[in-house]
Amino acid sequence: MSDRARHVRCGRGTVAHPSTCASSRKSLETRSDSKRERPISPSATPQGEQTTPPAIGKSVVVLIPCHDEAATIGDVIRDFRKHLPTATLHVYDNGCADGTAQIARAAGAFVHCEPLLGKGNVVRRMFSDIEADIYVIVDGDGTYDAECAPKLIDHLVLNGLDMVNCARVPAQDGVYRPGHAFGNRLLTSLVARVFGNRLRDMLSGYRVMSRRFVKSFPALSTGFEIETELTVHALDLRAPIGELSGPYRTRPNGSNSKLHTVGDGIRILRLIVHLVKEERPLQFFSVIFFTFTAASVVLGWPVVTQYLQTGLVPRLPTAVLATGLVILAFLSLVCGLVLDTVTRGRRELKRLLYLAAGDRQSVKTRQRHPVIRTSTRANASGSSSGGVKGR
């Protein structure tokens, strides 16, 4: 029998010697076993079997705004250094007069100063100054648990989110001051009704955020309403966000809250109304349209009925008022339609800026592989120009 006859078909579209076929089968089995034993990516690893921290290779910063928190800032820094040993801690002194900055510096944190009073002003400065891949923002009053930080970061990275909110769960009775719990539920429900029900605790001061979310956030608020603006920004962008629960403790002795229940509650409510007008103008002005239209119908119906019966308009002021209300109603509707178109353009621009912020890794890649631009003068001399260097 010739060599050609001793060959058999092995595999699809190939002809091989039986010994070759056996060796190829053995190599295929070895290759398939190696594929089965290949490590699974962190995103596909079941919870509880993660061996490598998901945030490895990413820089993490902890941002702590403070106003007279000398009684608690030392413990807060030590707790976060314990649970996030690789993170960099930044404390922002917002007009402290009790030695908060000195205590924070002695505890190993970087201390910055923001003279404009108000948490919103501090957050705007922090987001502008600090560069990182993952941002953890927490109050310096010692009411939040640092042990939750690694879980919040893991949840952000493993699920590809841009913000993870820590919903507060009272650790003991009397954590909230009178009116705070009701006000939080009321304001959160208002935002959920207009912008989407994706968070249970809108006013939490403990969050983890990605770089592209932080660098695309305008931060226009000045005070405690900054949490509301952060939430509405995420909901309006339809950014991927999540929420985990964490214990919320009372302030220790010697630490006083700077939140004013009525004053700051009114400011937050006013901001919600302003954001509805800015981000949902058609709905906002539609409410005005229907209100004015209903008032005009109530006032004008008797006048119209009497005119149809007698041909007279004895209540001329009422008729003029009803006519004016109808005109204002339709002007409001037109304003809503025009501003809705403008808002759509603004929303598209915000989305593009949000995507352009990107991750620091992609920015570094663009810097390592710059765009090569060839100038006319360089071509004339027979040489090409160099790449554009990243800043």
Protein backbone atom coordinates (compact mmCIF):
# COMPACT_ATOMS: atom_id res chain seq x y z
CA MET A 1 0.00 0.00 0.00
CA SER A 2 1.38 3.39 -0.95
CA ASP A 3 1.92 6.31 1.44
CA ARG A 4 -1.04 8.09 -0.15
CA ALA A 5 -3.33 5.15 0.72
CA ARG A 6 -2.10 4.98 4.27
CA HIS A 7 -3.19 8.58 4.84
CA VAL A 8 -6.62 9.19 6.28
CA ARG A 9 -8.77 12.27 6.59
CA CYS A 10 -8.20 14.00 9.91
CA GLY A 11 -10.10 17.14 10.64
CA ARG A 12 -12.01 19.38 8.33
CA GLY A 13 -10.55 19.80 4.85
CA THR A 14 -7.11 18.34 5.77
CA VAL A 15 -5.37 14.99 5.03
CA ALA A 16 -2.81 13.61 7.46
CA HIS A 17 -1.00 10.42 8.44
CA PRO A 18 -2.70 8.48 11.33
CA SER A 19 0.24 9.16 13.65
CA THR A 20 0.05 12.82 12.77
CA CYS A 21 -3.70 12.75 13.36
CA ALA A 22 -3.25 11.26 16.84
CA SER A 23 -0.64 13.83 17.79
CA SER A 24 -2.84 16.65 16.51
CA ARG A 25 -5.79 15.34 18.56
CA LYS A 26 -3.58 15.27 21.65
CA SER A 27 -2.38 18.84 21.03
CA LEU A 28 -5.97 20.01 20.51
CA GLU A 29 -7.03 18.42 23.82
CA THR A 30 -4.11 20.10 25.59
CA ARG A 31 -5.02 23.44 24.01
CA SER A 32 -8.69 23.13 25.03
CA ASP A 33 -7.65 22.27 28.60
CA SER A 34 -5.45 25.34 28.73
CA LYS A 35 -8.38 27.46 27.52
CA ARG A 36 -10.63 26.06 30.22
CA GLU A 37 -8.02 26.86 32.88
CA ARG A 38 -7.47 30.47 31.71
CA PRO A 39 -8.30 33.03 34.47
CA ILE A 40 -11.63 34.76 34.10
CA SER A 41 -11.70 38.52 33.87
CA PRO A 42 -12.72 40.37 37.07
CA SER A 43 -16.01 41.48 35.54
CA ALA A 44 -17.01 37.85 35.03
CA THR A 45 -15.72 36.50 38.32
CA PRO A 46 -18.52 35.58 40.77
CA GLN A 47 -18.71 37.66 43.90
CA GLY A 48 -16.62 36.26 46.70
CA GLU A 49 -14.06 34.63 44.34
CA GLN A 50 -12.21 37.82 43.43
CA THR A 51 -8.51 37.36 44.12
CA THR A 52 -7.15 40.56 42.56
CA PRO A 53 -8.53 43.95 43.65
CA PRO A 54 -10.62 45.29 40.75
CA ALA A 55 -9.22 48.83 41.20
CA ILE A 56 -5.61 47.67 40.80
CA GLY A 57 -3.65 50.04 38.56
CA LYS A 58 -6.12 52.88 39.17
CA SER A 59 -5.31 55.88 41.33
CA VAL A 60 -7.80 56.51 44.14
CA VAL A 61 -8.20 59.77 46.06
CA VAL A 62 -10.32 60.52 49.10
CA LEU A 63 -11.67 64.08 49.18
CA ILE A 64 -12.77 65.44 52.56
CA PRO A 65 -14.33 68.92 52.75
CA CYS A 66 -14.11 70.36 56.25
CA HIS A 67 -15.38 73.35 58.20
CA ASP A 68 -14.34 73.23 61.85
CA GLU A 69 -14.05 69.43 62.17
CA ALA A 70 -11.10 69.25 64.57
CA ALA A 71 -12.95 66.81 66.82
CA THR A 72 -13.33 64.17 64.09
CA ILE A 73 -10.94 64.74 61.18
CA GLY A 74 -8.05 62.80 62.73
CA ASP A 75 -10.12 59.65 63.20
CA VAL A 76 -11.63 59.99 59.71
CA ILE A 77 -8.18 60.14 58.10
CA ARG A 78 -6.87 57.20 60.11
CA ASP A 79 -9.90 55.06 59.23
CA PHE A 80 -9.59 55.72 55.51
CA ARG A 81 -5.83 55.13 55.55
CA LYS A 82 -6.56 51.77 57.19
CA HIS A 83 -9.22 50.63 54.70
CA LEU A 84 -7.73 52.32 51.60
CA PRO A 85 -3.97 52.11 52.19
CA THR A 86 -3.06 53.00 48.59
CA ALA A 87 -5.39 56.01 48.34
CA THR A 88 -4.27 59.62 48.60
CA LEU A 89 -6.21 61.72 51.09
CA HIS A 90 -6.94 65.39 50.47
CA VAL A 91 -8.53 67.60 53.14
CA TYR A 92 -9.95 70.96 52.10
CA ASP A 93 -9.97 73.62 54.79
CA ASN A 94 -13.09 75.73 54.24
CA GLY A 95 -12.55 78.57 56.69
CA CYS A 96 -11.67 76.37 59.67
CA ALA A 97 -10.77 78.23 62.86
CA ASP A 98 -10.27 75.28 65.24
CA GLY A 99 -7.02 73.73 63.99
CA THR A 100 -8.59 71.22 61.57
CA ALA A 101 -5.85 71.80 58.99
CA GLN A 102 -3.02 71.15 61.45
CA ILE A 103 -4.62 67.92 62.71
CA ALA A 104 -5.23 66.68 59.15
CA ARG A 105 -1.66 67.47 58.12
CA ALA A 106 -0.28 65.67 61.17
CA ALA A 107 -2.45 62.63 60.33
CA GLY A 108 -0.82 62.36 56.89
CA ALA A 109 -3.32 64.03 54.56
CA PHE A 110 -2.65 66.73 51.99
CA VAL A 111 -4.31 69.94 53.13
CA HIS A 112 -5.69 72.57 50.76
CA CYS A 113 -7.46 75.85 51.47
CA GLU A 114 -10.69 77.15 49.92
CA PRO A 115 -11.62 80.62 51.24
CA LEU A 116 -15.12 80.72 49.69
CA LEU A 117 -17.46 79.33 52.34
CA GLY A 118 -19.91 76.61 51.33
CA LYS A 119 -19.63 72.92 50.52
CA GLY A 120 -20.48 73.54 46.87
CA ASN A 121 -17.52 75.91 46.52
CA VAL A 122 -15.24 73.31 48.09
CA VAL A 123 -16.44 70.52 45.81
CA ARG A 124 -15.95 72.71 42.74
CA ARG A 125 -12.36 73.43 43.82
CA MET A 126 -11.63 69.78 44.64
CA PHE A 127 -12.91 68.51 41.30
CA SER A 128 -10.87 71.15 39.48
CA ASP A 129 -7.57 70.57 41.30
CA ILE A 130 -7.30 66.83 41.87
CA GLU A 131 -6.48 64.31 39.14
CA ALA A 132 -7.27 60.63 39.69
CA ASP A 133 -9.13 57.65 38.24
CA ILE A 134 -11.52 57.11 41.17
CA TYR A 135 -12.79 59.80 43.54
CA VAL A 136 -14.19 59.10 47.00
CA ILE A 137 -15.92 62.10 48.58
CA VAL A 138 -16.93 61.97 52.23
CA ASP A 139 -17.75 64.44 54.97
CA GLY A 140 -15.19 64.98 57.70
CA ASP A 141 -17.68 64.73 60.57
CA GLY A 142 -17.08 61.04 61.32
CA THR A 143 -20.68 59.97 60.60
CA TYR A 144 -19.79 57.71 57.64
CA ASP A 145 -18.09 54.32 57.85
CA ALA A 146 -14.71 54.06 56.09
CA GLU A 147 -15.09 50.28 55.92
CA CYS A 148 -17.68 50.75 53.15
CA ALA A 149 -15.19 52.49 50.84
CA PRO A 150 -13.58 49.34 49.33
CA LYS A 151 -17.03 47.87 48.66
CA LEU A 152 -18.19 51.06 46.97
CA ILE A 153 -15.06 51.15 44.80
CA ASP A 154 -15.40 47.46 43.87
CA HIS A 155 -19.03 48.03 42.92
CA LEU A 156 -18.03 50.99 40.75
CA VAL A 157 -15.23 49.19 38.92
CA LEU A 158 -16.78 45.73 38.54
CA ASN A 159 -20.03 47.12 37.10
CA GLY A 160 -18.48 49.90 35.01
CA LEU A 161 -20.38 52.64 36.85
CA ASP A 162 -19.72 56.37 37.04
CA MET A 163 -21.14 56.98 40.51
CA VAL A 164 -22.00 54.82 43.51
CA ASN A 165 -24.03 56.45 46.26
CA CYS A 166 -23.87 55.26 49.86
CA ALA A 167 -27.45 55.26 51.17
CA ARG A 168 -27.47 56.07 54.87
CA VAL A 169 -28.86 53.51 57.31
CA PRO A 170 -29.09 54.83 60.90
CA ALA A 171 -26.76 52.87 63.14
CA GLN A 172 -28.74 53.84 66.25
CA ASP A 173 -31.77 55.86 67.27
CA GLY A 174 -31.64 59.63 67.13
CA VAL A 175 -29.14 59.87 64.28
CA TYR A 176 -31.28 62.30 62.27
CA ARG A 177 -32.33 65.60 63.77
CA PRO A 178 -36.09 66.37 63.82
CA GLY A 179 -37.30 67.02 60.28
CA HIS A 180 -34.17 65.74 58.52
CA ALA A 181 -35.52 62.29 57.66
CA PHE A 182 -38.83 63.70 56.41
CA GLY A 183 -37.09 66.41 54.40
CA ASN A 184 -34.73 63.88 52.85
CA ARG A 185 -37.63 61.63 51.77
CA LEU A 186 -39.62 64.59 50.42
CA LEU A 187 -36.77 66.08 48.37
CA THR A 188 -35.62 62.67 47.11
CA SER A 189 -39.15 61.81 45.98
CA LEU A 190 -39.48 65.14 44.14
CA VAL A 191 -36.26 64.53 42.21
CA ALA A 192 -37.24 60.91 41.54
CA ARG A 193 -40.61 61.97 40.11
CA VAL A 194 -39.08 64.44 37.68
CA PHE A 195 -35.66 63.00 36.78
CA GLY A 196 -35.96 59.28 37.54
CA ASN A 197 -36.18 57.01 40.56
CA ARG A 198 -32.69 55.51 40.73
CA LEU A 199 -31.47 56.55 44.19
CA ARG A 200 -32.99 56.17 47.65
CA ASP A 201 -30.84 58.73 49.48
CA MET A 202 -30.18 61.73 47.26
CA LEU A 203 -28.60 63.87 50.00
CA SER A 204 -25.90 61.43 51.11
CA GLY A 205 -22.45 62.98 51.41
CA TYR A 206 -20.61 59.68 50.78
CA ARG A 207 -20.06 58.82 47.11
CA VAL A 208 -17.56 57.19 44.78
CA MET A 209 -17.22 58.61 41.27
CA SER A 210 -15.27 58.02 38.10
CA ARG A 211 -12.98 60.54 36.49
CA ARG A 212 -15.18 61.25 33.49
CA PHE A 213 -18.13 61.98 35.77
CA VAL A 214 -16.12 64.34 37.98
CA LYS A 215 -14.47 66.20 35.11
CA SER A 216 -17.79 66.72 33.29
CA PHE A 217 -19.63 68.01 36.38
CA PRO A 218 -20.14 71.81 36.28
CA ALA A 219 -20.55 72.27 40.09
CA LEU A 220 -22.58 75.47 40.08
CA SER A 221 -23.98 75.19 43.61
CA THR A 222 -22.39 76.93 46.57
CA GLY A 223 -23.75 75.13 49.65
CA PHE A 224 -25.25 71.85 50.82
CA GLU A 225 -27.39 71.63 47.70
CA ILE A 226 -24.33 70.27 45.86
CA GLU A 227 -25.51 66.68 46.50
CA THR A 228 -28.77 67.45 44.70
CA GLU A 229 -26.85 68.86 41.74
CA LEU A 230 -24.62 65.77 41.61
CA THR A 231 -27.66 63.50 41.57
CA VAL A 232 -29.53 65.47 38.91
CA HIS A 233 -26.39 65.65 36.74
CA ALA A 234 -26.09 61.85 36.82
CA LEU A 235 -29.81 61.30 36.16
CA ASP A 236 -29.95 63.84 33.34
CA LEU A 237 -26.91 62.28 31.63
CA ARG A 238 -28.42 58.82 32.18
CA ALA A 239 -24.99 57.85 33.46
CA PRO A 240 -24.54 54.35 34.88
CA ILE A 241 -24.93 54.73 38.64
CA GLY A 242 -25.51 52.44 41.60
CA GLU A 243 -26.26 52.56 45.29
CA LEU A 244 -25.18 50.54 48.32
CA SER A 245 -26.25 50.92 51.95
CA GLY A 246 -23.91 51.88 54.77
CA PRO A 247 -24.23 52.73 58.47
CA TYR A 248 -24.74 56.34 59.45
CA ARG A 249 -23.60 57.31 62.94
CA THR A 250 -24.23 60.27 65.20
CA ARG A 251 -21.66 62.99 65.54
CA PRO A 252 -19.27 62.51 68.47
CA ASN A 253 -19.22 64.91 71.37
CA GLY A 254 -17.71 68.26 70.52
CA SER A 255 -18.72 68.10 66.85
CA ASN A 256 -21.58 70.33 65.70
CA SER A 257 -23.57 70.10 62.49
CA LYS A 258 -23.42 73.02 60.07
CA LEU A 259 -26.65 72.04 58.30
CA HIS A 260 -29.65 74.29 58.96
CA THR A 261 -32.84 72.27 58.66
CA VAL A 262 -35.18 74.99 57.35
CA GLY A 263 -32.73 77.29 55.60
CA ASP A 264 -30.80 74.62 53.71
CA GLY A 265 -34.02 72.71 53.01
CA ILE A 266 -35.47 75.79 51.29
CA ARG A 267 -32.25 76.25 49.30
CA ILE A 268 -32.37 72.63 48.13
CA LEU A 269 -36.03 72.95 47.17
CA ARG A 270 -35.29 76.14 45.27
CA LEU A 271 -32.45 74.41 43.44
CA ILE A 272 -34.77 71.53 42.46
CA VAL A 273 -37.25 74.00 40.97
CA HIS A 274 -34.42 75.76 39.14
CA LEU A 275 -33.08 72.47 37.75
CA VAL A 276 -36.55 71.45 36.59
CA LYS A 277 -36.81 74.75 34.69
CA GLU A 278 -33.33 74.34 33.20
CA GLU A 279 -33.40 70.62 32.40
CA ARG A 280 -37.13 69.98 31.85
CA PRO A 281 -38.41 73.31 30.47
CA LEU A 282 -41.34 71.86 28.52
CA GLN A 283 -42.77 70.17 31.62
CA PHE A 284 -42.11 73.27 33.74
CA PHE A 285 -43.82 75.71 31.39
CA SER A 286 -46.58 73.22 30.60
CA VAL A 287 -47.61 73.39 34.26
CA ILE A 288 -47.81 77.18 33.95
CA PHE A 289 -49.76 76.82 30.70
CA PHE A 290 -52.39 74.54 32.21
CA THR A 291 -52.64 76.69 35.35
CA PHE A 292 -53.27 79.90 33.42
CA THR A 293 -55.62 78.13 31.00
CA ALA A 294 -57.70 76.67 33.84
CA ALA A 295 -57.91 80.07 35.57
CA SER A 296 -58.91 81.73 32.31
CA VAL A 297 -61.68 79.19 31.67
CA VAL A 298 -63.03 79.58 35.21
CA LEU A 299 -63.11 83.38 34.93
CA GLY A 300 -64.19 83.63 31.30
CA TRP A 301 -66.89 80.95 31.12
CA PRO A 302 -69.62 83.04 32.83
CA VAL A 303 -68.72 86.04 30.66
CA VAL A 304 -68.94 84.00 27.46
CA THR A 305 -72.21 82.38 28.56
CA GLN A 306 -73.80 85.77 29.35
CA TYR A 307 -72.60 87.21 26.03
CA LEU A 308 -74.18 84.32 24.11
CA GLN A 309 -77.49 84.87 25.92
CA THR A 310 -77.72 88.67 25.87
CA GLY A 311 -75.09 89.86 23.41
CA LEU A 312 -73.59 92.09 26.14
CA VAL A 313 -70.36 91.96 28.15
CA PRO A 314 -71.19 93.70 31.44
CA ARG A 315 -68.13 92.27 33.25
CA LEU A 316 -65.48 93.80 31.02
CA PRO A 317 -62.57 93.67 33.54
CA THR A 318 -63.13 89.94 34.03
CA ALA A 319 -63.18 89.42 30.29
CA VAL A 320 -59.91 91.34 29.89
CA LEU A 321 -58.31 89.33 32.71
CA ALA A 322 -59.41 86.01 31.19
CA THR A 323 -58.05 87.08 27.80
CA GLY A 324 -54.72 88.09 29.33
CA LEU A 325 -54.41 84.76 31.12
CA VAL A 326 -54.98 82.88 27.87
CA ILE A 327 -52.28 84.95 26.16
CA LEU A 328 -49.83 84.29 29.01
CA ALA A 329 -50.68 80.59 28.91
CA PHE A 330 -49.79 80.23 25.25
CA LEU A 331 -46.68 82.39 25.66
CA SER A 332 -45.55 79.98 28.38
CA LEU A 333 -46.19 77.00 26.13
CA VAL A 334 -44.17 78.56 23.30
CA CYS A 335 -41.33 79.35 25.72
CA GLY A 336 -41.36 75.74 26.86
CA LEU A 337 -41.16 74.43 23.30
CA VAL A 338 -38.28 76.75 22.37
CA LEU A 339 -36.31 76.11 25.56
CA ASP A 340 -36.83 72.37 25.21
CA THR A 341 -35.00 72.51 21.87
CA VAL A 342 -32.21 74.58 23.43
CA THR A 343 -31.96 72.16 26.36
CA ARG A 344 -31.64 69.22 24.00
CA GLY A 345 -28.62 70.89 22.39
CA ARG A 346 -27.11 71.56 25.82
CA ARG A 347 -27.71 67.97 26.83
CA GLU A 348 -25.93 66.71 23.71
CA LEU A 349 -22.98 68.99 24.46
CA LYS A 350 -22.84 67.78 28.07
CA ARG A 351 -22.87 64.21 26.84
CA LEU A 352 -19.96 64.87 24.48
CA LEU A 353 -17.96 66.55 27.24
CA TYR A 354 -18.74 63.63 29.53
CA LEU A 355 -17.42 61.17 26.93
CA ALA A 356 -14.40 63.35 26.16
CA ALA A 357 -13.32 63.39 29.81
CA GLY A 358 -12.63 59.67 29.52
CA ASP A 359 -10.24 57.69 31.67
CA ARG A 360 -6.72 58.77 32.56
CA GLN A 361 -5.40 55.59 30.96
CA SER A 362 -6.81 56.62 27.58
CA VAL A 363 -5.36 60.11 28.03
CA LYS A 364 -1.94 58.60 28.73
CA THR A 365 -2.27 56.39 25.66
CA ARG A 366 -2.97 59.41 23.48
CA GLN A 367 0.07 61.13 24.98
CA ARG A 368 2.34 58.13 24.33
CA HIS A 369 1.08 57.81 20.74
CA PRO A 370 0.69 61.41 19.53
CA VAL A 371 -0.76 62.44 16.22
CA ILE A 372 1.94 63.02 13.63
CA ARG A 373 1.41 66.24 11.68
CA THR A 374 3.50 66.88 8.59
CA SER A 375 4.19 70.54 7.85
CA THR A 376 4.65 71.94 4.36
CA ARG A 377 7.94 73.57 5.31
CA ALA A 378 9.30 70.28 6.70
CA ASN A 379 8.28 68.41 3.54
CA ALA A 380 10.07 71.00 1.43
CA SER A 381 13.30 70.41 3.33
CA GLY A 382 12.83 66.64 3.17
CA SER A 383 12.11 66.13 6.87
CA SER A 384 8.89 65.44 8.71
CA SER A 385 7.66 67.26 11.77
CA GLY A 386 7.51 65.57 15.19
CA GLY A 387 4.38 64.43 16.98
CA VAL A 388 2.27 66.71 19.06
CA LYS A 389 3.29 66.21 22.67
CA GLY A 390 0.64 65.76 25.31
CA ARG A 391 0.48 68.30 28.04
